[in-house]
C-alpha cells in the first residue's frame, strides 16, 4: 500500500454482478420499448418514469459504486434525489393546477 493511499479501501465488484446488472438493464430497456407501444392513457408517463428510475438506481448503485461508498457519499446521493423529487413535485403541482385554455 502506498503512503498516499493509506486508509482508502476499494471494493471490487465481481464480473457476475456487472453482467447481471447489465442484463437487467437490457431487459428493462425492452420493457420500456414495449410499454411505449402500449396505450396506457395517462399512465404512460408514470410507467416510463418508474422504469427509468429503477434503471437509474441500478446504474448509480452498482456502476457508480454508490452501494459500496461511505455513508457520507450515500447521504449526498440521497440528498440529490430528494432535491430532484422536490423540484419535480413543485413543477408538477404548478403544471397540474393551471387553468388550461382549450383551443
Foldseek 3Di string as FASTA:
>chain_A
DDPVCPPPDDDDDDVVVVVVLVVVLVVLVVVLVVLVVDCPDPCSVVVNVVSVVVNVVSCCVPVVVLVVDDPVSVVVVVVVVVVVVVVVVVVVVVVVPDDDDDD
